[in-house]
Amino acid sequence: RFEDRVTAVFEPYVYEWVASHRGSISAEHGVGLMKRDYLRYSKSPELIACMKRIKDLFDPNHILNPYKVV
């Protein structure tokens, strides 16, 4: 689809711009499937690891919101 190709080109540009302005890729209560791979643009590897550890603490069996970071 045309939209998917445009999105694939446009999203990294937007996320890089946001990161250069110290912004966040998501203002949601959590980060899901669509933005999971772009989280590195606005969060450090250490913070992402911490987010995963918090999720593991509260959901050790990964049954709540599977595949989500937080």
PDB file of N, CA and C in Angstrom:
ATOM      1  N   ARG A   1       0.825  -1.187   0.000  1.00  0.00           N
ATOM      2  CA  ARG A   1       0.000   0.000   0.000  1.00  0.00           C
ATOM      3  C   ARG A   1       0.865   1.245   0.000  1.00  0.00           C
ATOM      4  N   PHE A   2       0.369   2.252  -0.638  1.00  0.00           N
ATOM      5  CA  PHE A   2       1.074   3.529  -0.702  1.00  0.00           C
ATOM      6  C   PHE A   2       1.316   4.098   0.686  1.00  0.00           C
ATOM      7  N   GLU A   3       0.318   4.072   1.533  1.00  0.00           N
ATOM      8  CA  GLU A   3       0.440   4.663   2.859  1.00  0.00           C
ATOM      9  C   GLU A   3       1.563   4.006   3.669  1.00  0.00           C
ATOM     10  N   ASP A   4       1.695   2.699   3.553  1.00  0.00           N
ATOM     11  CA  ASP A   4       2.744   1.991   4.290  1.00  0.00           C
ATOM     12  C   ASP A   4       4.128   2.429   3.831  1.00  0.00           C
ATOM     13  N   ARG A   5       4.305   2.636   2.533  1.00  0.00           N
ATOM     14  CA  ARG A   5       5.601   3.074   2.021  1.00  0.00           C
ATOM     15  C   ARG A   5       5.926   4.487   2.492  1.00  0.00           C
ATOM     16  N   VAL A   6       4.947   5.351   2.476  1.00  0.00           N
ATOM     17  CA  VAL A   6       5.157   6.729   2.933  1.00  0.00           C
ATOM     18  C   VAL A   6       5.482   6.725   4.427  1.00  0.00           C
ATOM     19  N   THR A   7       4.730   5.964   5.180  1.00  0.00           N
ATOM     20  CA  THR A   7       4.959   5.872   6.618  1.00  0.00           C
ATOM     21  C   THR A   7       6.365   5.361   6.914  1.00  0.00           C
ATOM     22  N   ALA A   8       6.811   4.350   6.186  1.00  0.00           N
ATOM     23  CA  ALA A   8       8.135   3.762   6.420  1.00  0.00           C
ATOM     24  C   ALA A   8       9.247   4.784   6.191  1.00  0.00           C
ATOM     25  N   VAL A   9       9.042   5.718   5.294  1.00  0.00           N
ATOM     26  CA  VAL A   9      10.047   6.745   5.017  1.00  0.00           C
ATOM     27  C   VAL A   9       9.891   7.925   5.977  1.00  0.00           C
ATOM     28  N   PHE A  10       8.667   8.300   6.242  1.00  0.00           N
ATOM     29  CA  PHE A  10       8.385   9.506   7.004  1.00  0.00           C
ATOM     30  C   PHE A  10       8.610   9.350   8.510  1.00  0.00           C
ATOM     31  N   GLU A  11       8.205   8.227   9.080  1.00  0.00           N
ATOM     32  CA  GLU A  11       8.300   8.051  10.533  1.00  0.00           C
ATOM     33  C   GLU A  11       9.720   8.195  11.076  1.00  0.00           C
ATOM     34  N   PRO A  12      10.715   7.527  10.499  1.00  0.00           N
ATOM     35  CA  PRO A  12      12.074   7.714  11.044  1.00  0.00           C
ATOM     36  C   PRO A  12      12.518   9.180  11.016  1.00  0.00           C
ATOM     37  N   TYR A  13      12.160   9.895   9.961  1.00  0.00           N
ATOM     38  CA  TYR A  13      12.517  11.313   9.883  1.00  0.00           C
ATOM     39  C   TYR A  13      11.881  12.085  11.042  1.00  0.00           C
ATOM     40  N   VAL A  14      10.602  11.851  11.268  1.00  0.00           N
ATOM     41  CA  VAL A  14       9.890  12.545  12.353  1.00  0.00           C
ATOM     42  C   VAL A  14      10.507  12.191  13.702  1.00  0.00           C
ATOM     43  N   TYR A  15      10.778  10.915  13.933  1.00  0.00           N
ATOM     44  CA  TYR A  15      11.342  10.495  15.215  1.00  0.00           C
ATOM     45  C   TYR A  15      12.747  11.050  15.423  1.00  0.00           C
ATOM     46  N   GLU A  16      13.534  11.145  14.362  1.00  0.00           N
ATOM     47  CA  GLU A  16      14.860  11.737  14.481  1.00  0.00           C
ATOM     48  C   GLU A  16      14.757  13.218  14.830  1.00  0.00           C
ATOM     49  N   TRP A  17      13.810  13.921  14.207  1.00  0.00           N
ATOM     50  CA  TRP A  17      13.601  15.335  14.497  1.00  0.00           C
ATOM     51  C   TRP A  17      13.171  15.505  15.951  1.00  0.00           C
ATOM     52  N   VAL A  18      12.244  14.680  16.386  1.00  0.00           N
ATOM     53  CA  VAL A  18      11.768  14.739  17.778  1.00  0.00           C
ATOM     54  C   VAL A  18      12.932  14.498  18.733  1.00  0.00           C
ATOM     55  N   ALA A  19      13.753  13.505  18.445  1.00  0.00           N
ATOM     56  CA  ALA A  19      14.904  13.210  19.307  1.00  0.00           C
ATOM     57  C   ALA A  19      15.880  14.381  19.344  1.00  0.00           C
ATOM     58  N   SER A  20      16.085  15.042  18.216  1.00  0.00           N
ATOM     59  CA  SER A  20      17.018  16.167  18.178  1.00  0.00           C
ATOM     60  C   SER A  20      16.521  17.353  19.008  1.00  0.00           C
ATOM     61  N   HIS A  21      15.225  17.367  19.299  1.00  0.00           N
ATOM     62  CA  HIS A  21      14.633  18.418  20.131  1.00  0.00           C
ATOM     63  C   HIS A  21      14.290  17.909  21.533  1.00  0.00           C
ATOM     64  N   ARG A  22      14.862  16.753  21.868  1.00  0.00           N
ATOM     65  CA  ARG A  22      14.682  16.136  23.189  1.00  0.00           C
ATOM     66  C   ARG A  22      13.213  15.858  23.520  1.00  0.00           C
ATOM     67  N   GLY A  23      12.459  15.494  22.496  1.00  0.00           N
ATOM     68  CA  GLY A  23      11.053  15.180  22.687  1.00  0.00           C
ATOM     69  C   GLY A  23      10.842  13.698  22.911  1.00  0.00           C
ATOM     70  N   SER A  24       9.596  13.300  22.927  1.00  0.00           N
ATOM     71  CA  SER A  24       9.237  11.900  23.130  1.00  0.00           C
ATOM     72  C   SER A  24       8.434  11.412  21.937  1.00  0.00           C
ATOM     73  N   ILE A  25       8.619  10.164  21.574  1.00  0.00           N
ATOM     74  CA  ILE A  25       7.889   9.620  20.436  1.00  0.00           C
ATOM     75  C   ILE A  25       6.463   9.269  20.782  1.00  0.00           C
ATOM     76  N   SER A  26       6.148   9.254  22.061  1.00  0.00           N
ATOM     77  CA  SER A  26       4.809   8.862  22.472  1.00  0.00           C
ATOM     78  C   SER A  26       4.389   9.632  23.709  1.00  0.00           C
ATOM     79  N   ALA A  27       3.176  10.127  23.684  1.00  0.00           N
ATOM     80  CA  ALA A  27       2.630  10.804  24.863  1.00  0.00           C
ATOM     81  C   ALA A  27       1.535   9.930  25.477  1.00  0.00           C
ATOM     82  N   GLU A  28       1.559   8.677  25.124  1.00  0.00           N
ATOM     83  CA  GLU A  28       0.556   7.737  25.616  1.00  0.00           C
ATOM     84  C   GLU A  28       0.930   7.246  27.008  1.00  0.00           C
ATOM     85  N   HIS A  29       0.071   6.458  27.581  1.00  0.00           N
ATOM     86  CA  HIS A  29       0.349   5.867  28.887  1.00  0.00           C
ATOM     87  C   HIS A  29       1.314   4.693  28.776  1.00  0.00           C
ATOM     88  N   GLY A  30       1.588   4.260  27.574  1.00  0.00           N
ATOM     89  CA  GLY A  30       2.517   3.156  27.364  1.00  0.00           C
ATOM     90  C   GLY A  30       2.995   3.148  25.926  1.00  0.00           C
ATOM     91  N   VAL A  31       3.868   2.229  25.619  1.00  0.00           N
ATOM     92  CA  VAL A  31       4.387   2.106  24.258  1.00  0.00           C
ATOM     93  C   VAL A  31       4.009   0.732  23.735  1.00  0.00           C
ATOM     94  N   GLY A  32       3.322   0.719  22.625  1.00  0.00           N
ATOM     95  CA  GLY A  32       2.828  -0.539  22.072  1.00  0.00           C
ATOM     96  C   GLY A  32       3.608  -0.986  20.854  1.00  0.00           C
ATOM     97  N   LEU A  33       2.968  -1.797  20.052  1.00  0.00           N
ATOM     98  CA  LEU A  33       3.614  -2.420  18.903  1.00  0.00           C
ATOM     99  C   LEU A  33       4.096  -1.426  17.852  1.00  0.00           C
ATOM    100  N   MET A  34       3.294  -0.415  17.557  1.00  0.00           N
ATOM    101  CA  MET A  34       3.650   0.489  16.464  1.00  0.00           C
ATOM    102  C   MET A  34       4.898   1.319  16.759  1.00  0.00           C
ATOM    103  N   LYS A  35       5.095   1.694  17.997  1.00  0.00           N
ATOM    104  CA  LYS A  35       6.213   2.576  18.318  1.00  0.00           C
ATOM    105  C   LYS A  35       7.337   1.889  19.067  1.00  0.00           C
ATOM    106  N   ARG A  36       7.175   0.618  19.338  1.00  0.00           N
ATOM    107  CA  ARG A  36       8.184  -0.115  20.106  1.00  0.00           C
ATOM    108  C   ARG A  36       9.575  -0.007  19.482  1.00  0.00           C
ATOM    109  N   ASP A  37       9.676  -0.155  18.181  1.00  0.00           N
ATOM    110  CA  ASP A  37      10.985  -0.142  17.520  1.00  0.00           C
ATOM    111  C   ASP A  37      11.577   1.257  17.401  1.00  0.00           C
ATOM    112  N   TYR A  38      10.770   2.291  17.657  1.00  0.00           N
ATOM    113  CA  TYR A  38      11.246   3.668  17.565  1.00  0.00           C
ATOM    114  C   TYR A  38      11.534   4.284  18.928  1.00  0.00           C
ATOM    115  N   LEU A  39      11.310   3.531  19.959  1.00  0.00           N
ATOM    116  CA  LEU A  39      11.501   4.039  21.313  1.00  0.00           C
ATOM    117  C   LEU A  39      12.921   4.544  21.536  1.00  0.00           C
ATOM    118  N   ARG A  40      13.881   3.951  20.863  1.00  0.00           N
ATOM    119  CA  ARG A  40      15.293   4.325  21.026  1.00  0.00           C
ATOM    120  C   ARG A  40      15.579   5.766  20.599  1.00  0.00           C
ATOM    121  N   TYR A  41      14.655   6.362  19.841  1.00  0.00           N
ATOM    122  CA  TYR A  41      14.857   7.757  19.437  1.00  0.00           C
ATOM    123  C   TYR A  41      14.679   8.728  20.597  1.00  0.00           C
ATOM    124  N   SER A  42      13.922   8.332  21.602  1.00  0.00           N
ATOM    125  CA  SER A  42      13.675   9.274  22.690  1.00  0.00           C
ATOM    126  C   SER A  42      14.017   8.725  24.075  1.00  0.00           C
ATOM    127  N   LYS A  43      14.408   7.462  24.151  1.00  0.00           N
ATOM    128  CA  LYS A  43      14.762   6.872  25.448  1.00  0.00           C
ATOM    129  C   LYS A  43      16.094   6.148  25.327  1.00  0.00           C
ATOM    130  N   SER A  44      16.870   6.218  26.379  1.00  0.00           N
ATOM    131  CA  SER A  44      18.187   5.560  26.385  1.00  0.00           C
ATOM    132  C   SER A  44      18.013   4.046  26.510  1.00  0.00           C
ATOM    133  N   PRO A  45      19.018   3.268  26.103  1.00  0.00           N
ATOM    134  CA  PRO A  45      18.941   1.811  26.265  1.00  0.00           C
ATOM    135  C   PRO A  45      18.734   1.413  27.729  1.00  0.00           C
ATOM    136  N   GLU A  46      19.345   2.177  28.639  1.00  0.00           N
ATOM    137  CA  GLU A  46      19.187   1.866  30.066  1.00  0.00           C
ATOM    138  C   GLU A  46      17.744   2.092  30.521  1.00  0.00           C
ATOM    139  N   LEU A  47      17.122   3.159  30.059  1.00  0.00           N
ATOM    140  CA  LEU A  47      15.742   3.439  30.439  1.00  0.00           C
ATOM    141  C   LEU A  47      14.795   2.411  29.823  1.00  0.00           C
ATOM    142  N   ILE A  48      15.039   2.012  28.605  1.00  0.00           N
ATOM    143  CA  ILE A  48      14.212   0.975  27.967  1.00  0.00           C
ATOM    144  C   ILE A  48      14.323  -0.329  28.752  1.00  0.00           C
ATOM    145  N   ALA A  49      15.534  -0.675  29.162  1.00  0.00           N
ATOM    146  CA  ALA A  49      15.730  -1.893  29.961  1.00  0.00           C
ATOM    147  C   ALA A  49      14.991  -1.792  31.289  1.00  0.00           C
ATOM    148  N   CYS A  50      15.024  -0.612  31.894  1.00  0.00           N
ATOM    149  CA  CYS A  50      14.307  -0.394  33.152  1.00  0.00           C
ATOM    150  C   CYS A  50      12.803  -0.550  32.947  1.00  0.00           C
ATOM    151  N   MET A  51      12.280  -0.022  31.865  1.00  0.00           N
ATOM    152  CA  MET A  51      10.852  -0.151  31.555  1.00  0.00           C
ATOM    153  C   MET A  51      10.470  -1.622  31.413  1.00  0.00           C
ATOM    154  N   LYS A  52      11.324  -2.381  30.753  1.00  0.00           N
ATOM    155  CA  LYS A  52      11.055  -3.814  30.582  1.00  0.00           C
ATOM    156  C   LYS A  52      11.083  -4.543  31.922  1.00  0.00           C
ATOM    157  N   ARG A  53      12.022  -4.161  32.779  1.00  0.00           N
ATOM    158  CA  ARG A  53      12.095  -4.798  34.104  1.00  0.00           C
ATOM    159  C   ARG A  53      10.854  -4.485  34.940  1.00  0.00           C
ATOM    160  N   ILE A  54      10.367  -3.254  34.854  1.00  0.00           N
ATOM    161  CA  ILE A  54       9.146  -2.897  35.583  1.00  0.00           C
ATOM    162  C   ILE A  54       7.961  -3.710  35.068  1.00  0.00           C
ATOM    163  N   LYS A  55       7.846  -3.833  33.758  1.00  0.00           N
ATOM    164  CA  LYS A  55       6.761  -4.643  33.188  1.00  0.00           C
ATOM    165  C   LYS A  55       6.886  -6.092  33.655  1.00  0.00           C
ATOM    166  N   ASP A  56       8.098  -6.622  33.643  1.00  0.00           N
ATOM    167  CA  ASP A  56       8.317  -8.006  34.098  1.00  0.00           C
ATOM    168  C   ASP A  56       7.956  -8.181  35.566  1.00  0.00           C
ATOM    169  N   LEU A  57       8.213  -7.148  36.356  1.00  0.00           N
ATOM    170  CA  LEU A  57       7.895  -7.208  37.776  1.00  0.00           C
ATOM    171  C   LEU A  57       6.387  -7.354  38.003  1.00  0.00           C
ATOM    172  N   PHE A  58       5.606  -6.565  37.279  1.00  0.00           N
ATOM    173  CA  PHE A  58       4.162  -6.585  37.461  1.00  0.00           C
ATOM    174  C   PHE A  58       3.451  -7.624  36.600  1.00  0.00           C
ATOM    175  N   ASP A  59       4.116  -8.110  35.563  1.00  0.00           N
ATOM    176  CA  ASP A  59       3.508  -9.076  34.649  1.00  0.00           C
ATOM    177  C   ASP A  59       4.538 -10.152  34.264  1.00  0.00           C
ATOM    178  N   PRO A  60       4.951 -10.972  35.232  1.00  0.00           N
ATOM    179  CA  PRO A  60       6.016 -11.951  34.969  1.00  0.00           C
ATOM    180  C   PRO A  60       5.655 -13.010  33.928  1.00  0.00           C
ATOM    181  N   ASN A  61       4.375 -13.238  33.723  1.00  0.00           N
ATOM    182  CA  ASN A  61       3.954 -14.242  32.731  1.00  0.00           C
ATOM    183  C   ASN A  61       3.634 -13.634  31.370  1.00  0.00           C
ATOM    184  N   HIS A  62       3.795 -12.337  31.255  1.00  0.00           N
ATOM    185  CA  HIS A  62       3.566 -11.616  29.987  1.00  0.00           C
ATOM    186  C   HIS A  62       2.179 -11.888  29.409  1.00  0.00           C
ATOM    187  N   ILE A  63       1.173 -11.804  30.263  1.00  0.00           N
ATOM    188  CA  ILE A  63      -0.203 -12.036  29.799  1.00  0.00           C
ATOM    189  C   ILE A  63      -0.992 -10.729  29.661  1.00  0.00           C
ATOM    190  N   LEU A  64      -0.521  -9.672  30.305  1.00  0.00           N
ATOM    191  CA  LEU A  64      -1.186  -8.369  30.190  1.00  0.00           C
ATOM    192  C   LEU A  64      -0.519  -7.567  29.083  1.00  0.00           C
ATOM    193  N   ASN A  65      -1.294  -7.146  28.124  1.00  0.00           N
ATOM    194  CA  ASN A  65      -0.745  -6.386  26.992  1.00  0.00           C
ATOM    195  C   ASN A  65       0.488  -7.055  26.399  1.00  0.00           C
ATOM    196  N   PRO A  66       0.333  -8.266  25.872  1.00  0.00           N
ATOM    197  CA  PRO A  66       1.499  -8.940  25.307  1.00  0.00           C
ATOM    198  C   PRO A  66       2.149  -8.131  24.186  1.00  0.00           C
ATOM    199  N   TYR A  67       3.448  -8.232  24.103  1.00  0.00           N
ATOM    200  CA  TYR A  67       4.295  -7.589  23.105  1.00  0.00           C
ATOM    201  C   TYR A  67       4.459  -6.096  23.327  1.00  0.00           C
ATOM    202  N   LYS A  68       3.886  -5.555  24.375  1.00  0.00           N
ATOM    203  CA  LYS A  68       4.036  -4.137  24.671  1.00  0.00           C
ATOM    204  C   LYS A  68       5.258  -3.950  25.564  1.00  0.00           C
ATOM    205  N   VAL A  69       5.868  -2.767  25.480  1.00  0.00           N
ATOM    206  CA  VAL A  69       7.024  -2.479  26.322  1.00  0.00           C
ATOM    207  C   VAL A  69       6.554  -2.176  27.732  1.00  0.00           C
ATOM    208  N   VAL A  70       5.609  -1.272  27.840  1.00  0.00           N
ATOM    209  CA  VAL A  70       5.040  -0.934  29.141  1.00  0.00           C
ATOM    210  C   VAL A  70       3.536  -0.865  28.981  1.00  0.00           C
TER     211      VAL A  70
END
